[in-house]
Amino acid sequence: MRIALIHALKHSIAPIETSFARLWPQARLMNLVDDSLSADLARDGRLTDAMTGRFLQLGRYAAGTGADAILFTCSAFGPCIEAVARAHAPMPVLKPNEAMIEQAAARGGKIGLLSTFAPTLASMPPEFPPGIELVPKLAEGAMAALDRGDRATHDRLVVEASKDLRGCDLIALAQYSLAPAAEAVAAATGRPVLTTPDSAVQKLMRLLGVASA
């Protein structure tokens, strides 16, 4: 099966490809990257009709290549992705975090939501079910470090920020680019940590009727 992966940050590619390689190596992946999406959202400060239109164009292109499903890896664009899902139903079109959100909500308790991209902390909380207690936390400067190619500084800043979430029952990492830091966050906080790539791949496999290895 062909899975279209659509990214607004180039840093999301490696973590999701790693998860597919481990969990579903038979999948044929295609990557579409438009890193101006995240830059334009940061500039505008909100999701616009024009942004939704751009997502619909990306969805049409992916579907036109024969994709069996589309997975967006950009966590700050929920309403835009929902528009793509409506346009292409019943083909699976997943938001990056929906599978992880389902897992976190099932566990309940106080959930620390750690992000390196400020707009995510505005767009993602409404995706959680009502009644879930969220503690948002921004790892300031971490995304800029990753943009410079400095993964070590990125991870250090993420771990330092995560220490403010030690009072939570679990920590959810809001971006695919955060997944490589999951073990360090768990060690620093003593809390279970949920990441997005593995849960997204597992949900796609269930939706498409693919048996786990």
C-alpha atoms as a PDB file:
ATOM      1  CA  MET A   1       0.000   0.000   0.000  1.00  0.00           C
ATOM      2  CA  ARG A   2       1.106   3.550  -0.704  1.00  0.00           C
ATOM      3  CA  ILE A   3       1.017   5.972   2.230  1.00  0.00           C
ATOM      4  CA  ALA A   4       1.402   9.672   1.523  1.00  0.00           C
ATOM      5  CA  LEU A   5       3.240  11.538   4.264  1.00  0.00           C
ATOM      6  CA  ILE A   6       2.746  15.310   4.191  1.00  0.00           C
ATOM      7  CA  HIS A   7       5.119  17.443   6.239  1.00  0.00           C
ATOM      8  CA  ALA A   8       5.294  21.114   7.208  1.00  0.00           C
ATOM      9  CA  LEU A   9       8.667  20.564   8.885  1.00  0.00           C
ATOM     10  CA  LYS A  10      11.516  18.572   7.387  1.00  0.00           C
ATOM     11  CA  HIS A  11      12.418  17.324  10.864  1.00  0.00           C
ATOM     12  CA  SER A  12       9.316  15.107  10.878  1.00  0.00           C
ATOM     13  CA  ILE A  13      10.486  12.851   8.056  1.00  0.00           C
ATOM     14  CA  ALA A  14      13.083  10.728   9.842  1.00  0.00           C
ATOM     15  CA  PRO A  15      10.975   9.870  12.934  1.00  0.00           C
ATOM     16  CA  ILE A  16       7.967   8.669  10.935  1.00  0.00           C
ATOM     17  CA  GLU A  17      10.108   6.744   8.453  1.00  0.00           C
ATOM     18  CA  THR A  18      11.822   5.059  11.406  1.00  0.00           C
ATOM     19  CA  SER A  19       8.450   3.974  12.798  1.00  0.00           C
ATOM     20  CA  PHE A  20       7.302   2.598   9.450  1.00  0.00           C
ATOM     21  CA  ALA A  21      10.591   0.717   9.020  1.00  0.00           C
ATOM     22  CA  ARG A  22      10.099  -0.962  12.372  1.00  0.00           C
ATOM     23  CA  LEU A  23       6.331  -1.536  12.375  1.00  0.00           C
ATOM     24  CA  TRP A  24       5.258  -1.715   8.719  1.00  0.00           C
ATOM     25  CA  PRO A  25       8.293  -2.049   6.436  1.00  0.00           C
ATOM     26  CA  GLN A  26       6.155  -3.253   3.518  1.00  0.00           C
ATOM     27  CA  ALA A  27       4.390   0.105   3.180  1.00  0.00           C
ATOM     28  CA  ARG A  28       5.411   2.250   0.207  1.00  0.00           C
ATOM     29  CA  LEU A  29       5.987   5.777   1.442  1.00  0.00           C
ATOM     30  CA  MET A  30       5.920   9.065  -0.406  1.00  0.00           C
ATOM     31  CA  ASN A  31       6.997  12.317   1.234  1.00  0.00           C
ATOM     32  CA  LEU A  32       5.580  15.728   0.397  1.00  0.00           C
ATOM     33  CA  VAL A  33       7.299  18.633   2.182  1.00  0.00           C
ATOM     34  CA  ASP A  34       6.234  22.281   2.256  1.00  0.00           C
ATOM     35  CA  ASP A  35       8.103  23.934   5.101  1.00  0.00           C
ATOM     36  CA  SER A  36       6.610  27.309   4.199  1.00  0.00           C
ATOM     37  CA  LEU A  37       3.387  26.096   5.832  1.00  0.00           C
ATOM     38  CA  SER A  38       4.835  26.320   9.342  1.00  0.00           C
ATOM     39  CA  ALA A  39       6.624  29.579   8.574  1.00  0.00           C
ATOM     40  CA  ASP A  40       3.437  31.166   7.233  1.00  0.00           C
ATOM     41  CA  LEU A  41       1.390  29.987  10.208  1.00  0.00           C
ATOM     42  CA  ALA A  42       3.934  31.467  12.590  1.00  0.00           C
ATOM     43  CA  ARG A  43       3.781  34.729  10.632  1.00  0.00           C
ATOM     44  CA  ASP A  44      -0.033  34.908  10.440  1.00  0.00           C
ATOM     45  CA  GLY A  45      -0.704  33.636  13.950  1.00  0.00           C
ATOM     46  CA  ARG A  46      -3.835  31.775  12.880  1.00  0.00           C
ATOM     47  CA  LEU A  47      -5.186  29.307  10.339  1.00  0.00           C
ATOM     48  CA  THR A  48      -6.708  31.061   7.338  1.00  0.00           C
ATOM     49  CA  ASP A  49      -8.972  30.010   4.482  1.00  0.00           C
ATOM     50  CA  ALA A  50      -5.967  30.287   2.209  1.00  0.00           C
ATOM     51  CA  MET A  51      -4.072  27.822   4.391  1.00  0.00           C
ATOM     52  CA  THR A  52      -6.957  25.362   4.223  1.00  0.00           C
ATOM     53  CA  GLY A  53      -6.909  25.718   0.451  1.00  0.00           C
ATOM     54  CA  ARG A  54      -3.243  24.816   0.359  1.00  0.00           C
ATOM     55  CA  PHE A  55      -3.903  21.691   2.391  1.00  0.00           C
ATOM     56  CA  LEU A  56      -6.736  20.695   0.072  1.00  0.00           C
ATOM     57  CA  GLN A  57      -4.355  21.028  -2.882  1.00  0.00           C
ATOM     58  CA  LEU A  58      -1.804  18.813  -1.156  1.00  0.00           C
ATOM     59  CA  GLY A  59      -4.511  16.250  -0.412  1.00  0.00           C
ATOM     60  CA  ARG A  60      -5.676  16.207  -4.031  1.00  0.00           C
ATOM     61  CA  TYR A  61      -2.127  15.716  -5.246  1.00  0.00           C
ATOM     62  CA  ALA A  62      -1.500  12.846  -2.820  1.00  0.00           C
ATOM     63  CA  ALA A  63      -4.765  11.134  -3.701  1.00  0.00           C
ATOM     64  CA  GLY A  64      -3.996  11.562  -7.392  1.00  0.00           C
ATOM     65  CA  THR A  65      -0.799   9.538  -7.039  1.00  0.00           C
ATOM     66  CA  GLY A  66      -2.834   6.523  -5.936  1.00  0.00           C
ATOM     67  CA  ALA A  67      -2.233   6.824  -2.222  1.00  0.00           C
ATOM     68  CA  ASP A  68      -4.239   4.452  -0.023  1.00  0.00           C
ATOM     69  CA  ALA A  69      -4.020   6.811   2.960  1.00  0.00           C
ATOM     70  CA  ILE A  70      -2.637  10.200   3.904  1.00  0.00           C
ATOM     71  CA  LEU A  71      -0.823  10.959   7.142  1.00  0.00           C
ATOM     72  CA  PHE A  72      -0.090  14.577   7.967  1.00  0.00           C
ATOM     73  CA  THR A  73       2.834  15.027  10.360  1.00  0.00           C
ATOM     74  CA  CYS A  74       2.271  18.730  11.082  1.00  0.00           C
ATOM     75  CA  SER A  75       0.627  19.143  14.452  1.00  0.00           C
ATOM     76  CA  ALA A  76      -0.621  22.742  14.309  1.00  0.00           C
ATOM     77  CA  PHE A  77      -3.043  22.391  11.388  1.00  0.00           C
ATOM     78  CA  GLY A  78      -5.913  20.284  12.723  1.00  0.00           C
ATOM     79  CA  PRO A  79      -8.866  22.072  11.043  1.00  0.00           C
ATOM     80  CA  CYS A  80      -7.049  22.117   7.689  1.00  0.00           C
ATOM     81  CA  ILE A  81      -6.431  18.375   7.902  1.00  0.00           C
ATOM     82  CA  GLU A  82     -10.058  17.759   8.861  1.00  0.00           C
ATOM     83  CA  ALA A  83     -11.078  19.525   5.640  1.00  0.00           C
ATOM     84  CA  VAL A  84      -8.862  17.160   3.647  1.00  0.00           C
ATOM     85  CA  ALA A  85     -10.364  14.160   5.451  1.00  0.00           C
ATOM     86  CA  ARG A  86     -13.882  15.279   4.543  1.00  0.00           C
ATOM     87  CA  ALA A  87     -12.889  15.788   0.925  1.00  0.00           C
ATOM     88  CA  HIS A  88     -11.405  12.312   0.542  1.00  0.00           C
ATOM     89  CA  ALA A  89     -13.606  10.119   2.741  1.00  0.00           C
ATOM     90  CA  PRO A  90     -13.643   7.178   3.159  1.00  0.00           C
ATOM     91  CA  MET A  91      -9.876   7.089   2.474  1.00  0.00           C
ATOM     92  CA  PRO A  92      -8.017   7.333   5.807  1.00  0.00           C
ATOM     93  CA  VAL A  93      -6.634  10.834   6.334  1.00  0.00           C
ATOM     94  CA  LEU A  94      -5.007  11.174   9.734  1.00  0.00           C
ATOM     95  CA  LYS A  95      -3.984  14.133  11.791  1.00  0.00           C
ATOM     96  CA  PRO A  96      -0.522  13.533  13.232  1.00  0.00           C
ATOM     97  CA  ASN A  97      -1.554  13.270  16.862  1.00  0.00           C
ATOM     98  CA  GLU A  98      -4.991  11.691  16.811  1.00  0.00           C
ATOM     99  CA  ALA A  99      -3.824   8.166  17.596  1.00  0.00           C
ATOM    100  CA  MET A 100      -1.625   9.382  20.448  1.00  0.00           C
ATOM    101  CA  ILE A 101      -4.459  11.546  21.778  1.00  0.00           C
ATOM    102  CA  GLU A 102      -6.699   8.486  21.842  1.00  0.00           C
ATOM    103  CA  GLN A 103      -4.091   6.582  23.845  1.00  0.00           C
ATOM    104  CA  ALA A 104      -3.539   9.462  26.264  1.00  0.00           C
ATOM    105  CA  ALA A 105      -7.261  10.012  26.806  1.00  0.00           C
ATOM    106  CA  ALA A 106      -7.750   6.313  27.495  1.00  0.00           C
ATOM    107  CA  ARG A 107      -5.157   6.503  30.280  1.00  0.00           C
ATOM    108  CA  GLY A 108      -6.682   9.674  31.728  1.00  0.00           C
ATOM    109  CA  GLY A 109      -5.164  11.689  34.545  1.00  0.00           C
ATOM    110  CA  LYS A 110      -3.156  14.873  34.138  1.00  0.00           C
ATOM    111  CA  ILE A 111      -1.372  14.982  30.777  1.00  0.00           C
ATOM    112  CA  GLY A 112       1.661  17.145  30.122  1.00  0.00           C
ATOM    113  CA  LEU A 113       1.698  18.346  26.519  1.00  0.00           C
ATOM    114  CA  LEU A 114       5.231  19.223  25.442  1.00  0.00           C
ATOM    115  CA  SER A 115       5.874  21.100  22.200  1.00  0.00           C
ATOM    116  CA  THR A 116       8.657  22.987  20.450  1.00  0.00           C
ATOM    117  CA  PHE A 117       6.272  24.929  18.150  1.00  0.00           C
ATOM    118  CA  ALA A 118       4.074  27.461  19.928  1.00  0.00           C
ATOM    119  CA  PRO A 119       1.066  27.302  17.553  1.00  0.00           C
ATOM    120  CA  THR A 120       0.693  23.612  18.386  1.00  0.00           C
ATOM    121  CA  LEU A 121      -0.177  24.519  21.968  1.00  0.00           C
ATOM    122  CA  ALA A 122      -3.089  26.567  20.627  1.00  0.00           C
ATOM    123  CA  SER A 123      -4.414  24.127  18.035  1.00  0.00           C
ATOM    124  CA  MET A 124      -3.895  20.738  19.665  1.00  0.00           C
ATOM    125  CA  PRO A 125      -5.643  20.955  23.078  1.00  0.00           C
ATOM    126  CA  PRO A 126      -9.151  21.210  21.532  1.00  0.00           C
ATOM    127  CA  GLU A 127      -8.489  17.850  19.871  1.00  0.00           C
ATOM    128  CA  PHE A 128      -8.511  16.149  23.282  1.00  0.00           C
ATOM    129  CA  PRO A 129     -11.846  14.928  24.676  1.00  0.00           C
ATOM    130  CA  PRO A 130     -13.626  17.242  27.122  1.00  0.00           C
ATOM    131  CA  GLY A 131     -12.625  16.799  30.729  1.00  0.00           C
ATOM    132  CA  ILE A 132      -8.997  15.860  30.060  1.00  0.00           C
ATOM    133  CA  GLU A 133      -6.618  17.920  32.201  1.00  0.00           C
ATOM    134  CA  LEU A 134      -3.764  19.245  30.076  1.00  0.00           C
ATOM    135  CA  VAL A 135      -0.622  21.066  31.164  1.00  0.00           C
ATOM    136  CA  PRO A 136       0.942  22.691  28.081  1.00  0.00           C
ATOM    137  CA  LYS A 137       4.665  23.376  27.983  1.00  0.00           C
ATOM    138  CA  LEU A 138       6.797  24.982  25.288  1.00  0.00           C
ATOM    139  CA  ALA A 139      10.455  24.017  25.000  1.00  0.00           C
ATOM    140  CA  GLU A 140      11.648  27.469  24.012  1.00  0.00           C
ATOM    141  CA  GLY A 141      14.534  27.617  21.580  1.00  0.00           C
ATOM    142  CA  ALA A 142      14.473  23.908  20.807  1.00  0.00           C
ATOM    143  CA  MET A 143      12.998  24.223  17.323  1.00  0.00           C
ATOM    144  CA  ALA A 144      15.516  26.919  16.411  1.00  0.00           C
ATOM    145  CA  ALA A 145      18.315  24.609  17.520  1.00  0.00           C
ATOM    146  CA  LEU A 146      16.955  21.802  15.367  1.00  0.00           C
ATOM    147  CA  ASP A 147      16.704  24.180  12.416  1.00  0.00           C
ATOM    148  CA  ARG A 148      20.433  24.838  12.872  1.00  0.00           C
ATOM    149  CA  GLY A 149      21.101  21.099  12.806  1.00  0.00           C
ATOM    150  CA  ASP A 150      21.901  21.018  16.523  1.00  0.00           C
ATOM    151  CA  ARG A 151      19.991  17.967  17.739  1.00  0.00           C
ATOM    152  CA  ALA A 152      21.973  17.825  21.002  1.00  0.00           C
ATOM    153  CA  THR A 153      20.881  21.326  22.062  1.00  0.00           C
ATOM    154  CA  HIS A 154      17.323  20.610  20.936  1.00  0.00           C
ATOM    155  CA  ASP A 155      17.152  17.500  23.106  1.00  0.00           C
ATOM    156  CA  ARG A 156      18.743  19.256  26.081  1.00  0.00           C
ATOM    157  CA  LEU A 157      16.184  22.071  25.943  1.00  0.00           C
ATOM    158  CA  VAL A 158      13.346  19.575  25.567  1.00  0.00           C
ATOM    159  CA  VAL A 159      14.515  17.595  28.592  1.00  0.00           C
ATOM    160  CA  GLU A 160      14.883  20.755  30.683  1.00  0.00           C
ATOM    161  CA  ALA A 161      11.369  21.880  29.753  1.00  0.00           C
ATOM    162  CA  SER A 162       9.937  18.462  30.516  1.00  0.00           C
ATOM    163  CA  LYS A 163      11.047  18.723  34.140  1.00  0.00           C
ATOM    164  CA  ASP A 164       8.238  21.229  34.715  1.00  0.00           C
ATOM    165  CA  LEU A 165       5.805  18.394  33.864  1.00  0.00           C
ATOM    166  CA  ARG A 166       6.953  15.985  36.571  1.00  0.00           C
ATOM    167  CA  GLY A 167       3.665  16.520  38.404  1.00  0.00           C
ATOM    168  CA  CYS A 168       1.714  15.044  35.482  1.00  0.00           C
ATOM    169  CA  ASP A 169       0.670  11.418  35.164  1.00  0.00           C
ATOM    170  CA  LEU A 170       2.096  11.110  31.654  1.00  0.00           C
ATOM    171  CA  ILE A 171       3.760  13.292  29.053  1.00  0.00           C
ATOM    172  CA  ALA A 172       2.655  13.541  25.438  1.00  0.00           C
ATOM    173  CA  LEU A 173       5.227  14.770  22.915  1.00  0.00           C
ATOM    174  CA  ALA A 174       3.295  16.878  20.455  1.00  0.00           C
ATOM    175  CA  GLN A 175       5.625  16.723  17.449  1.00  0.00           C
ATOM    176  CA  TYR A 176       7.175  13.959  15.397  1.00  0.00           C
ATOM    177  CA  SER A 177      10.534  15.713  15.704  1.00  0.00           C
ATOM    178  CA  LEU A 178      10.371  15.181  19.480  1.00  0.00           C
ATOM    179  CA  ALA A 179      10.211  11.388  19.274  1.00  0.00           C
ATOM    180  CA  PRO A 180      13.990  10.801  19.412  1.00  0.00           C
ATOM    181  CA  ALA A 181      14.068  12.584  22.799  1.00  0.00           C
ATOM    182  CA  ALA A 182      11.390  10.373  24.355  1.00  0.00           C
ATOM    183  CA  GLU A 183      13.719   8.149  26.371  1.00  0.00           C
ATOM    184  CA  ALA A 184      15.609  11.136  27.773  1.00  0.00           C
ATOM    185  CA  VAL A 185      12.336  12.829  28.773  1.00  0.00           C
ATOM    186  CA  ALA A 186      11.150   9.671  30.506  1.00  0.00           C
ATOM    187  CA  ALA A 187      14.430   9.378  32.385  1.00  0.00           C
ATOM    188  CA  ALA A 188      14.376  13.032  33.459  1.00  0.00           C
ATOM    189  CA  THR A 189      10.756  13.062  34.628  1.00  0.00           C
ATOM    190  CA  GLY A 190      10.095   9.515  35.794  1.00  0.00           C
ATOM    191  CA  ARG A 191       6.822   9.652  33.852  1.00  0.00           C
ATOM    192  CA  PRO A 192       5.549   7.541  30.958  1.00  0.00           C
ATOM    193  CA  VAL A 193       5.970   9.283  27.621  1.00  0.00           C
ATOM    194  CA  LEU A 194       3.773   8.967  24.534  1.00  0.00           C
ATOM    195  CA  THR A 195       5.062   9.798  21.071  1.00  0.00           C
ATOM    196  CA  THR A 196       3.171  10.280  17.834  1.00  0.00           C
ATOM    197  CA  PRO A 197       4.875   8.285  15.058  1.00  0.00           C
ATOM    198  CA  ASP A 198       4.406   4.746  16.390  1.00  0.00           C
ATOM    199  CA  SER A 199       0.797   5.275  17.356  1.00  0.00           C
ATOM    200  CA  ALA A 200       0.011   6.809  13.954  1.00  0.00           C
ATOM    201  CA  VAL A 201       1.496   3.875  12.061  1.00  0.00           C
ATOM    202  CA  GLN A 202      -0.374   1.394  14.251  1.00  0.00           C
ATOM    203  CA  LYS A 203      -3.681   3.192  13.656  1.00  0.00           C
ATOM    204  CA  LEU A 204      -3.145   3.270   9.897  1.00  0.00           C
ATOM    205  CA  MET A 205      -2.475  -0.454   9.924  1.00  0.00           C
ATOM    206  CA  ARG A 206      -5.721  -1.075  11.794  1.00  0.00           C
ATOM    207  CA  LEU A 207      -7.742   1.158   9.462  1.00  0.00           C
ATOM    208  CA  LEU A 208      -6.298  -0.525   6.362  1.00  0.00           C
ATOM    209  CA  GLY A 209      -6.646  -4.052   7.709  1.00  0.00           C
ATOM    210  CA  VAL A 210      -2.922  -4.764   7.862  1.00  0.00           C
ATOM    211  CA  ALA A 211      -1.879  -7.345  10.442  1.00  0.00           C
ATOM    212  CA  SER A 212       0.879  -6.443  12.867  1.00  0.00           C
ATOM    213  CA  ALA A 213       4.172  -8.229  12.327  1.00  0.00           C
END
